[in-house]
Protein backbone atom coordinates (compact mmCIF):
# COMPACT_ATOMS: atom_id res chain seq x y z
CA MET A 1 241.00 -7.85 -9.68
CA THR A 2 239.28 -7.43 -6.32
CA ALA A 3 239.26 -9.92 -3.56
CA GLU A 4 235.41 -10.26 -3.97
CA THR A 5 235.68 -10.89 -7.74
CA THR A 6 238.35 -13.64 -6.86
CA THR A 7 236.00 -15.12 -4.36
CA ILE A 8 233.02 -15.15 -6.76
CA GLY A 9 235.06 -16.51 -9.44
CA GLY A 10 236.18 -19.44 -7.21
CA LYS A 11 232.66 -20.23 -6.27
CA VAL A 12 231.47 -20.08 -9.77
CA GLY A 13 234.29 -22.43 -10.90
CA ARG A 14 233.67 -24.97 -8.30
CA GLY A 15 229.96 -24.66 -8.85
CA ALA A 16 230.57 -25.20 -12.65
CA MET A 17 232.76 -28.13 -12.21
CA TRP A 18 230.30 -29.93 -9.97
CA SER A 19 227.51 -28.95 -12.10
CA LEU A 20 229.13 -30.40 -15.13
CA LEU A 21 229.92 -33.50 -13.22
CA ASN A 22 226.17 -33.68 -12.16
CA THR A 23 224.82 -33.09 -15.61
CA VAL A 24 227.24 -35.35 -17.50
CA VAL A 25 226.91 -38.24 -15.25
CA LEU A 26 223.21 -38.15 -14.94
CA ARG A 27 222.81 -37.56 -18.76
CA LEU A 28 224.84 -40.69 -19.65
CA GLY A 29 222.98 -42.61 -17.02
CA THR A 30 219.61 -41.12 -18.69
CA LEU A 31 221.16 -42.11 -22.05
CA VAL A 32 221.61 -45.65 -21.09
CA ALA A 33 218.38 -45.98 -19.54
CA GLY A 34 216.66 -44.55 -22.57
CA ILE A 35 218.44 -47.08 -24.90
CA VAL A 36 217.11 -49.90 -22.80
CA LEU A 37 213.47 -48.30 -22.70
CA ALA A 38 213.59 -47.78 -26.58
CA ARG A 39 214.27 -51.49 -27.00
CA LEU A 40 211.37 -52.34 -24.53
CA LEU A 41 208.77 -49.86 -25.89
CA THR A 42 207.50 -48.94 -29.30
CA PRO A 43 207.40 -45.51 -31.15
CA ALA A 44 203.70 -45.45 -30.46
CA ASP A 45 204.41 -45.79 -26.64
CA TYR A 46 206.85 -42.81 -27.00
CA GLY A 47 204.21 -40.83 -28.92
CA VAL A 48 201.72 -41.34 -25.75
CA PHE A 49 204.33 -40.19 -23.34
CA ALA A 50 205.25 -37.23 -25.65
CA VAL A 51 201.66 -35.83 -25.20
CA ALA A 52 201.92 -36.00 -21.50
CA LEU A 53 205.57 -34.49 -21.49
CA VAL A 54 204.56 -31.53 -23.58
CA ALA A 55 201.89 -30.80 -20.98
CA MET A 56 204.12 -31.13 -17.96
CA THR A 57 206.85 -29.02 -19.55
CA LEU A 58 204.70 -26.17 -20.53
CA LEU A 59 203.23 -26.14 -16.78
CA GLN A 60 206.52 -26.20 -15.13
CA ALA A 61 207.49 -23.09 -17.05
CA PHE A 62 204.77 -21.03 -15.22
CA ASN A 63 204.11 -22.80 -12.11
CA GLU A 64 206.17 -20.79 -9.74
CA LEU A 65 205.61 -17.49 -11.62
CA GLY A 66 209.26 -16.78 -12.14
CA VAL A 67 210.13 -16.48 -8.59
CA SER A 68 213.08 -18.81 -8.77
CA LEU A 69 214.84 -16.33 -10.89
CA ALA A 70 214.17 -13.73 -8.48
CA LEU A 71 215.83 -15.93 -5.83
CA VAL A 72 219.19 -15.94 -7.91
CA ARG A 73 219.00 -12.30 -9.11
CA TRP A 74 217.97 -10.39 -5.84
CA GLU A 75 220.97 -9.18 -3.80
CA ARG A 76 218.70 -9.32 -0.48
CA ASP A 77 219.03 -11.94 2.20
CA VAL A 78 217.19 -14.94 0.76
CA ARG A 79 215.57 -15.60 4.22
CA GLU A 80 213.65 -12.61 3.83
CA PHE A 81 211.72 -13.83 0.86
CA ALA A 82 212.09 -17.41 0.44
CA PRO A 83 208.80 -18.29 2.52
CA THR A 84 206.72 -15.95 0.40
CA ALA A 85 208.40 -17.42 -2.70
CA MET A 86 207.56 -21.00 -1.71
CA THR A 87 203.97 -20.09 -0.89
CA ILE A 88 203.42 -18.57 -4.32
CA ALA A 89 205.11 -21.47 -5.98
CA VAL A 90 203.27 -24.15 -4.17
CA GLY A 91 199.82 -22.41 -4.56
CA THR A 92 200.10 -21.91 -8.24
CA SER A 93 201.37 -25.40 -8.89
CA VAL A 94 198.35 -26.86 -7.01
CA ALA A 95 195.98 -24.66 -8.99
CA LEU A 96 197.48 -25.51 -12.36
CA TYR A 97 197.29 -29.33 -11.49
CA GLY A 98 193.56 -28.94 -10.85
CA LEU A 99 193.14 -27.42 -14.46
CA VAL A 100 195.17 -30.35 -15.81
CA TRP A 101 193.21 -32.93 -14.40
CA PHE A 102 189.95 -31.65 -15.79
CA GLY A 103 191.43 -30.44 -18.94
CA ALA A 104 193.31 -33.43 -19.90
CA PRO A 105 190.73 -35.19 -22.06
CA ALA A 106 190.42 -32.28 -24.42
CA PHE A 107 194.11 -31.69 -24.57
CA CYS A 108 194.82 -35.39 -25.44
CA GLU A 109 192.04 -35.40 -28.06
CA LEU A 110 193.53 -32.21 -29.80
CA MET A 111 197.16 -34.02 -29.75
CA GLY A 112 195.51 -36.91 -31.45
CA SER A 113 196.18 -39.22 -28.50
CA PRO A 114 193.12 -39.94 -26.31
CA ASN A 115 194.59 -42.85 -24.91
CA ALA A 116 197.13 -40.47 -22.98
CA VAL A 117 194.80 -38.99 -20.38
CA GLY A 118 196.02 -41.35 -17.53
CA VAL A 119 199.57 -40.88 -18.27
CA LEU A 120 199.08 -37.10 -18.48
CA ARG A 121 197.33 -36.96 -15.13
CA VAL A 122 200.07 -39.02 -13.44
CA LEU A 123 203.02 -37.26 -15.02
CA CYS A 124 201.54 -33.85 -14.22
CA LEU A 125 201.86 -34.43 -10.47
CA ALA A 126 205.49 -33.63 -11.28
CA VAL A 127 204.25 -29.83 -11.38
CA VAL A 128 203.23 -30.01 -7.73
CA PHE A 129 206.46 -31.46 -6.48
CA ASP A 130 208.44 -28.90 -8.67
CA GLY A 131 206.46 -26.10 -6.86
CA ILE A 132 207.56 -27.53 -3.48
CA ALA A 133 211.40 -28.05 -4.74
CA VAL A 134 211.83 -25.08 -6.61
CA VAL A 135 212.90 -22.61 -3.73
CA PRO A 136 215.33 -24.95 -2.04
CA ALA A 137 216.78 -26.08 -5.36
CA THR A 138 217.16 -22.59 -6.37
CA ILE A 139 219.05 -21.50 -3.01
CA LEU A 140 221.44 -24.33 -3.71
CA ASN A 141 222.30 -22.98 -7.21
CA ARG A 142 222.46 -19.47 -5.74
CA GLU A 143 225.01 -20.49 -3.36
CA PHE A 144 226.84 -22.65 -5.85
CA LEU A 145 226.26 -25.83 -3.87
CA GLN A 146 226.25 -28.01 -6.80
CA ARG A 147 227.92 -30.89 -5.02
CA THR A 148 224.74 -31.09 -2.84
CA ARG A 149 222.46 -30.76 -5.94
CA PHE A 150 224.51 -33.62 -7.46
CA LEU A 151 223.68 -35.93 -4.40
CA CYS A 152 219.88 -35.14 -4.67
CA ASP A 153 219.82 -35.54 -8.47
CA ALA A 154 221.71 -38.66 -8.43
CA ALA A 155 219.33 -40.34 -5.91
CA SER A 156 216.32 -39.39 -7.90
CA PHE A 157 217.89 -40.67 -11.02
CA VAL A 158 218.47 -44.09 -9.50
CA VAL A 159 214.71 -44.23 -8.44
CA VAL A 160 213.28 -42.99 -11.81
CA THR A 161 215.44 -45.22 -13.74
CA SER A 162 215.12 -48.55 -11.92
CA LEU A 163 211.55 -47.99 -11.35
CA THR A 164 210.93 -47.22 -15.04
CA ILE A 165 212.70 -49.97 -16.72
CA THR A 166 211.22 -52.58 -14.06
CA LEU A 167 207.47 -51.40 -14.99
CA ALA A 168 208.47 -51.29 -18.84
CA SER A 169 209.97 -54.80 -18.65
CA ASN A 170 206.47 -55.85 -17.01
CA GLY A 171 204.22 -54.33 -19.58
CA ALA A 172 203.36 -50.99 -18.18
CA GLY A 173 203.98 -49.25 -21.47
CA PRO A 174 204.13 -45.41 -21.44
CA MET A 175 202.63 -45.28 -17.87
CA SER A 176 206.04 -46.53 -16.59
CA PHE A 177 207.67 -43.30 -17.46
CA ALA A 178 204.85 -41.38 -15.54
CA ILE A 179 205.17 -43.34 -12.44
CA GLY A 180 208.93 -43.67 -12.34
CA GLN A 181 209.24 -39.80 -12.96
CA ILE A 182 206.94 -39.04 -10.08
CA ALA A 183 208.62 -41.50 -7.57
CA GLY A 184 211.99 -39.83 -8.51
CA ASN A 185 210.44 -36.30 -7.83
CA LEU A 186 209.44 -37.41 -4.45
CA VAL A 187 212.88 -38.41 -3.74
CA SER A 188 214.38 -35.27 -5.04
CA VAL A 189 212.08 -32.87 -3.30
CA THR A 190 212.53 -34.52 0.22
CA LEU A 191 216.44 -34.17 -0.18
CA TYR A 192 216.21 -30.55 -1.22
CA LEU A 193 214.14 -29.59 1.59
CA LEU A 194 216.65 -31.53 4.08
CA LEU A 195 219.98 -30.35 2.62
CA CYS A 196 219.08 -26.87 1.65
CA PRO A 197 221.11 -24.55 3.93
CA VAL A 198 218.06 -22.38 4.35
CA ARG A 199 215.17 -24.08 6.34
CA VAL A 200 212.32 -23.10 3.98
CA ARG A 201 208.70 -22.97 5.12
CA PRO A 202 205.62 -21.52 3.68
CA GLY A 203 205.10 -17.87 4.65
CA TRP A 204 203.53 -14.71 3.61
CA ASP A 205 204.40 -11.14 3.11
CA PRO A 206 202.10 -9.03 1.00
CA GLU A 207 204.81 -6.52 -0.06
CA THR A 208 207.43 -9.21 -0.83
CA ALA A 209 204.86 -11.00 -2.58
CA ARG A 210 204.00 -8.18 -4.98
CA ALA A 211 207.63 -7.36 -5.74
CA LEU A 212 208.48 -11.03 -6.37
CA VAL A 213 205.53 -11.25 -8.85
CA ARG A 214 206.45 -7.91 -10.55
CA PHE A 215 209.95 -9.11 -11.01
CA GLY A 216 209.17 -12.92 -11.81
CA LEU A 217 206.04 -12.75 -13.98
CA PRO A 218 207.66 -11.42 -16.95
CA LEU A 219 210.24 -14.13 -16.70
CA ALA A 220 207.67 -16.83 -16.24
CA ALA A 221 205.78 -15.55 -19.40
CA ALA A 222 209.30 -15.55 -21.26
CA SER A 223 209.80 -19.10 -19.99
CA LEU A 224 206.59 -20.16 -21.04
CA LEU A 225 207.15 -18.73 -24.38
CA VAL A 226 210.62 -20.55 -24.48
CA LEU A 227 209.14 -23.89 -23.78
CA SER A 228 206.22 -23.15 -26.15
CA VAL A 229 208.71 -22.66 -28.98
CA THR A 230 210.32 -26.13 -28.05
CA ASN A 231 207.06 -27.83 -27.87
CA VAL A 232 204.88 -26.30 -30.27
CA ASP A 233 206.53 -28.72 -32.99
CA LYS A 234 205.30 -31.72 -30.99
CA ILE A 235 201.77 -30.31 -30.82
CA VAL A 236 201.88 -29.68 -34.53
CA VAL A 237 203.21 -33.07 -35.37
CA GLY A 238 200.91 -34.87 -32.89
CA SER A 239 197.84 -33.15 -34.24
CA LEU A 240 198.89 -33.57 -38.07
CA THR A 241 200.18 -37.02 -38.09
CA ASP A 242 199.75 -40.00 -35.57
CA GLU A 243 201.36 -41.70 -32.41
CA VAL A 244 204.13 -43.36 -34.34
CA ALA A 245 205.13 -40.31 -36.16
CA LEU A 246 205.21 -38.40 -32.93
CA GLY A 247 207.21 -41.07 -31.24
CA LEU A 248 209.73 -41.02 -33.93
CA TYR A 249 209.98 -37.36 -33.97
CA LEU A 250 210.24 -37.34 -30.00
CA MET A 251 213.25 -39.66 -30.34
CA ALA A 252 214.90 -37.58 -33.01
CA PHE A 253 214.30 -34.35 -30.82
CA ASN A 254 215.63 -35.87 -27.69
CA GLN A 255 218.71 -37.07 -29.48
CA SER A 256 219.41 -33.50 -30.87
CA SER A 257 218.88 -32.14 -27.44
CA LEU A 258 221.75 -34.19 -25.86
CA PRO A 259 224.45 -31.31 -26.30
CA LEU A 260 222.16 -28.69 -24.89
CA GLN A 261 221.26 -30.95 -21.83
CA VAL A 262 224.60 -32.10 -21.12
CA PHE A 263 226.85 -28.90 -21.79
CA SER A 264 224.54 -26.05 -21.73
CA GLU A 265 222.42 -26.88 -18.89
CA ALA A 266 225.24 -27.49 -16.62
CA ALA A 267 226.72 -23.89 -17.49
CA ARG A 268 223.32 -22.50 -16.86
CA ARG A 269 223.02 -23.68 -13.30
CA VAL A 270 225.85 -21.07 -12.60
CA SER A 271 225.96 -18.65 -15.66
CA LEU A 272 222.99 -16.52 -14.35
CA ALA A 273 224.57 -16.00 -11.03
CA GLY A 274 227.98 -15.33 -12.67
CA PHE A 275 226.48 -12.97 -15.27
CA SER A 276 224.61 -11.24 -12.76
CA ARG A 277 227.51 -10.33 -10.57
CA LEU A 278 229.50 -8.89 -13.57
CA VAL A 279 226.77 -6.72 -15.01
CA HIS A 280 228.69 -3.60 -13.74
CA ASP A 281 231.80 -4.36 -15.60
CA LYS A 282 230.89 -4.85 -19.17
CA PRO A 283 234.52 -5.58 -20.44
CA GLN A 284 234.89 -8.32 -17.91
CA LEU A 285 231.37 -9.65 -18.59
CA GLU A 286 232.19 -9.81 -22.56
CA ARG A 287 235.32 -11.61 -21.78
CA ALA A 288 233.57 -14.17 -19.53
CA LEU A 289 230.78 -14.41 -22.08
CA ALA A 290 233.34 -15.16 -24.84
CA ARG A 291 235.08 -17.68 -22.78
CA GLY A 292 232.05 -19.49 -21.86
CA THR A 293 230.52 -19.25 -25.34
CA GLY A 294 233.70 -20.77 -26.96
CA LEU A 295 234.10 -23.68 -24.63
CA LEU A 296 230.45 -24.55 -24.87
CA VAL A 297 230.73 -24.42 -28.81
CA ALA A 298 233.87 -26.55 -28.69
CA ALA A 299 232.29 -29.30 -26.76
CA SER A 300 228.76 -29.26 -28.71
CA ILE A 301 229.95 -28.87 -32.27
CA PRO A 302 231.44 -32.32 -32.62
CA VAL A 303 228.43 -33.92 -30.81
CA CYS A 304 225.94 -32.21 -32.96
CA THR A 305 227.96 -32.89 -36.35
CA MET A 306 228.33 -36.60 -35.62
CA LEU A 307 224.54 -36.73 -34.90
CA ALA A 308 223.80 -35.15 -38.17
CA CYS A 309 226.18 -37.09 -40.25
CA TYR A 310 225.48 -40.48 -38.66
CA ALA A 311 222.08 -40.21 -37.76
CA ALA A 312 220.67 -43.35 -39.44
CA PRO A 313 223.47 -45.85 -38.32
CA MET A 314 223.58 -44.48 -34.80
CA LEU A 315 219.74 -45.03 -34.49
CA HIS A 316 219.90 -48.49 -35.93
CA VAL A 317 222.77 -49.50 -33.90
CA VAL A 318 221.89 -47.99 -30.53
CA TYR A 319 218.25 -48.07 -30.32
CA GLY A 320 217.11 -50.63 -32.94
CA GLY A 321 215.75 -50.85 -36.38
CA GLN A 322 212.36 -49.60 -35.48
CA TRP A 323 213.85 -46.24 -34.88
CA THR A 324 215.72 -45.81 -38.08
CA PRO A 325 213.02 -43.73 -39.71
CA ALA A 326 213.66 -40.91 -37.31
CA ALA A 327 216.87 -40.11 -38.94
CA VAL A 328 215.12 -37.85 -41.48
CA ALA A 329 214.39 -35.34 -38.76
CA LEU A 330 217.64 -36.00 -36.66
CA GLN A 331 219.83 -35.18 -39.59
CA VAL A 332 218.45 -31.57 -39.48
CA LEU A 333 217.48 -31.22 -35.75
CA ALA A 334 221.22 -31.70 -34.90
CA GLY A 335 221.89 -28.22 -36.25
CA LEU A 336 218.84 -27.00 -34.09
CA GLY A 337 220.56 -28.39 -31.05
CA LEU A 338 223.71 -26.17 -31.49
CA LEU A 339 221.58 -22.99 -32.29
CA ARG A 340 219.55 -23.62 -29.07
CA ILE A 341 222.85 -23.56 -26.91
CA LEU A 342 223.79 -20.07 -28.24
CA LEU A 343 220.21 -18.91 -27.64
CA PHE A 344 220.10 -20.11 -24.15
CA ILE A 345 223.35 -18.30 -23.40
CA GLY A 346 221.71 -15.20 -24.76
CA TYR A 347 218.76 -15.73 -22.72
CA ASP A 348 220.60 -15.91 -19.38
CA LEU A 349 222.73 -12.91 -20.56
CA LEU A 350 219.49 -10.83 -21.03
CA VAL A 351 218.09 -11.92 -17.83
CA ALA A 352 221.10 -10.82 -15.93
CA LEU A 353 221.04 -7.38 -17.89
CA ASP A 354 217.49 -7.01 -16.73
CA GLY A 355 216.12 -7.41 -20.18
CA ASN A 356 212.94 -9.33 -19.15
CA ARG A 357 210.53 -7.50 -21.45
CA MET A 358 212.94 -7.79 -24.29
CA LEU A 359 212.94 -11.54 -23.66
CA VAL A 360 209.10 -11.63 -23.82
CA ALA A 361 209.13 -9.93 -27.18
CA LEU A 362 211.96 -12.25 -28.43
CA GLN A 363 210.24 -15.35 -27.56
CA ALA A 364 206.81 -14.10 -28.83
CA LEU A 365 208.71 -13.38 -32.26
CA TRP A 366 209.95 -16.91 -32.22
CA LEU A 367 206.65 -18.42 -31.71
CA ALA A 368 204.91 -16.34 -34.17
CA ALA A 369 207.49 -17.23 -36.84
CA MET A 370 207.62 -20.96 -35.82
CA LEU A 371 203.96 -21.92 -35.89
CA PRO A 372 203.24 -21.13 -39.48
CA ALA A 373 206.44 -22.66 -40.60
CA LEU A 374 205.70 -25.81 -38.65
CA LEU A 375 202.18 -26.24 -40.14
CA VAL A 376 203.52 -25.77 -43.73
CA GLY A 377 206.58 -28.00 -43.15
CA THR A 378 204.74 -30.89 -41.37
CA ARG A 379 202.17 -30.99 -44.00
CA VAL A 380 204.56 -31.01 -46.95
CA ASP A 381 207.14 -33.50 -45.56
CA GLY A 382 206.03 -34.83 -42.28
CA ILE A 383 208.61 -35.12 -39.41
CA ARG A 384 211.42 -33.85 -41.72
CA GLY A 385 209.47 -30.94 -42.78
CA ALA A 386 208.92 -29.88 -39.25
CA ALA A 387 212.70 -30.23 -38.48
CA VAL A 388 213.55 -28.05 -41.51
CA ALA A 389 211.07 -25.44 -40.43
CA GLN A 390 212.52 -25.09 -37.09
CA VAL A 391 216.19 -24.74 -38.10
CA ALA A 392 215.11 -22.19 -40.69
CA VAL A 393 213.22 -19.95 -38.43
CA ALA A 394 215.94 -20.31 -35.67
CA LEU A 395 218.86 -19.47 -37.95
CA LEU A 396 217.25 -16.71 -40.12
CA VAL A 397 214.99 -14.92 -37.54
CA VAL A 398 215.78 -15.66 -33.94
CA VAL A 399 219.59 -15.66 -33.70
CA PRO A 400 219.74 -12.31 -35.53
CA ALA A 401 217.13 -11.00 -33.25
CA PHE A 402 218.90 -12.11 -29.98
CA ALA A 403 222.26 -10.66 -31.30
CA TRP A 404 220.47 -7.38 -31.92
CA ALA A 405 219.06 -7.41 -28.37
CA ILE A 406 222.24 -8.17 -26.63
CA HIS A 407 224.19 -5.48 -28.60
CA ARG A 408 221.34 -2.81 -27.54
CA ARG A 409 222.32 -3.58 -24.04
CA GLY A 410 225.86 -2.50 -24.66
CA ILE A 411 227.57 -6.01 -24.99
CA ARG A 412 229.84 -6.39 -27.86
CA LEU A 413 229.83 -9.97 -29.42
CA ARG A 414 233.07 -9.81 -31.34
CA LEU A 415 235.07 -11.73 -28.70
CA SER A 416 232.39 -14.40 -28.58
CA MET A 417 232.38 -14.80 -32.31
CA LEU A 418 236.17 -15.09 -32.43
CA ALA A 419 236.22 -17.75 -29.79
CA CYS A 420 233.96 -19.98 -31.81
CA ARG A 421 236.17 -19.83 -35.18
CA ARG A 422 238.11 -23.04 -34.15
CA PRO A 423 235.12 -25.35 -33.46
CA LEU A 424 233.40 -24.18 -36.61
CA VAL A 425 236.37 -25.08 -38.60
CA GLY A 426 236.62 -28.50 -37.00
CA GLY A 427 233.05 -29.07 -37.54
CA LEU A 428 233.57 -28.56 -41.32
CA LEU A 429 236.33 -31.05 -41.06
CA ILE A 430 234.07 -33.65 -39.44
CA VAL A 431 231.34 -33.30 -42.05
CA ALA A 432 233.99 -33.67 -44.90
CA THR A 433 235.41 -37.01 -43.34
CA ALA A 434 231.79 -38.27 -42.67
CA LEU A 435 231.10 -37.97 -46.31
CA VAL A 436 234.15 -40.24 -47.08
CA VAL A 437 233.50 -42.68 -44.53
CA ARG A 438 230.00 -43.25 -45.35
CA HIS A 439 230.81 -43.59 -49.03
CA TYR A 440 233.27 -46.44 -48.56
CA ILE A 441 231.84 -48.17 -45.63
CA GLU A 442 228.42 -49.71 -45.51
CA ASN A 443 228.13 -51.35 -42.19
CA SER A 444 226.47 -49.22 -39.54
CA LEU A 445 228.75 -50.13 -36.63
CA ALA A 446 231.70 -49.87 -38.70
CA GLN A 447 230.59 -46.35 -39.78
CA LEU A 448 230.00 -45.18 -36.33
CA LEU A 449 233.35 -46.75 -34.92
CA ILE A 450 235.73 -45.58 -37.87
CA GLY A 451 233.75 -42.25 -38.09
CA GLY A 452 234.15 -41.38 -34.58
CA LEU A 453 237.98 -41.92 -34.53
CA VAL A 454 238.40 -40.07 -37.68
CA ALA A 455 236.37 -37.12 -36.08
CA VAL A 456 238.34 -37.00 -33.13
CA ALA A 457 241.70 -37.12 -35.21
CA VAL A 458 240.61 -34.01 -37.42
CA TYR A 459 238.98 -32.21 -34.61
CA LEU A 460 241.25 -32.30 -31.44
CA PRO A 461 244.17 -30.53 -33.27
CA VAL A 462 242.05 -27.57 -34.45
CA VAL A 463 240.57 -27.04 -30.93
CA TYR A 464 243.36 -27.96 -28.67
CA PRO A 465 244.81 -24.31 -28.48
CA MET A 466 241.36 -23.45 -26.82
CA ARG A 467 242.71 -24.93 -23.78
CA ALA A 468 243.55 -21.35 -22.98
CA LEU A 469 240.12 -20.61 -22.26
CA LEU A 470 239.79 -23.12 -19.54
CA PRO A 471 239.50 -21.80 -15.98
CA GLY A 472 242.98 -20.70 -14.56
CA ARG A 473 244.36 -19.80 -18.02
CA ALA A 474 245.08 -16.25 -18.44
CA GLN A 475 245.60 -16.05 -22.22
CA ALA A 476 243.24 -13.78 -24.26
CA VAL A 477 240.19 -15.15 -25.87
CA ALA A 478 241.05 -13.54 -29.00
CA SER A 479 244.61 -15.14 -29.36
């Protein structure tokens, strides 16, 4: 192993630890804040917020034309192209927000929530702030400065949470989400600019701009398709049902996304940079992929399985009885949460392997298969039908397609599959014990407490040998 590889490995390891701390701490804080807000607001309020959130999420996928990924992927000095990248990101973001302002009434009408126009216009200001912040934030990721990123995100979180809860307590309804988010964005973008090791200012170089757009546009299109896939369900549910059903569905979807947000997003902040530095050593890349996949799956499976097995009692105890109807969707969507973790790993791997065009094709396939399935599923069985449609398409169409695309790039997945054996066995044991617990215990709180203890008791012994995959351990993945 070369000295350069060792240095990179150390940076990736330290970055991953700070990134994980950042994500876990802030996600736990967000979870607590979400519980408080769920008890202050109604499913209909959540439905209105969901309409604005869908618009903002889709815009943020395309608002910087993929230049952030170029900042990570290119080996050139970032100072050479950061000013041009910032100009592209800010200019595109402002233009998109102008379209949002005028198009908000039509979009909200399509989503069956005309009352969401004001919330949408306020929340989508985040697109402009994102355009300003994307370059300094990406430079922090590129340099593995996750401790600095943690400080910025923590300050933003404090502002978002305190202001949102205060406004909701005083009857602001769904607008409390929008105002709180924008205030937090203002704090985070200010800190990114101040703490970034490179002083980023707008600038322009035509040749650099063309190169950035050529590289980033396919990735931005792929990101837009990714987020279209994860948001088309809300568009379909909103247009075919009502604000209450959409609010319940949003609650179920958010709960199913917890493993992805806590574990996968932390890894993704350093995985792309790490994969990119190993693309010329495929055996080492395969081992790194297997180790990362095994650890992520080991951490995610118990959470996903518990969400599926104890959906109704969890919603009742934690969020209140008004959210219990969301359990019919959460039981199914918990499986989607695990599949999305695997797919996001594959996404970053293909980006590192220059599989940009392939990513666009894969996301287009996913969206094309998902839309008709959602329309049928939602009409037949409401929010549960929408959940079943998503899991079926992901499992039967998308996962095999991603595996085929990675194999075509010369990466073998055997080690990664072997690394997932123990977590899968442990997950099956949790399911089996949950059936027993729920059969003999009726009280919701007791089900959660006893079920959690039993899950730990049966899962930990199975996955404990996987400690060999942790950084610093040299044991082979397949052992």
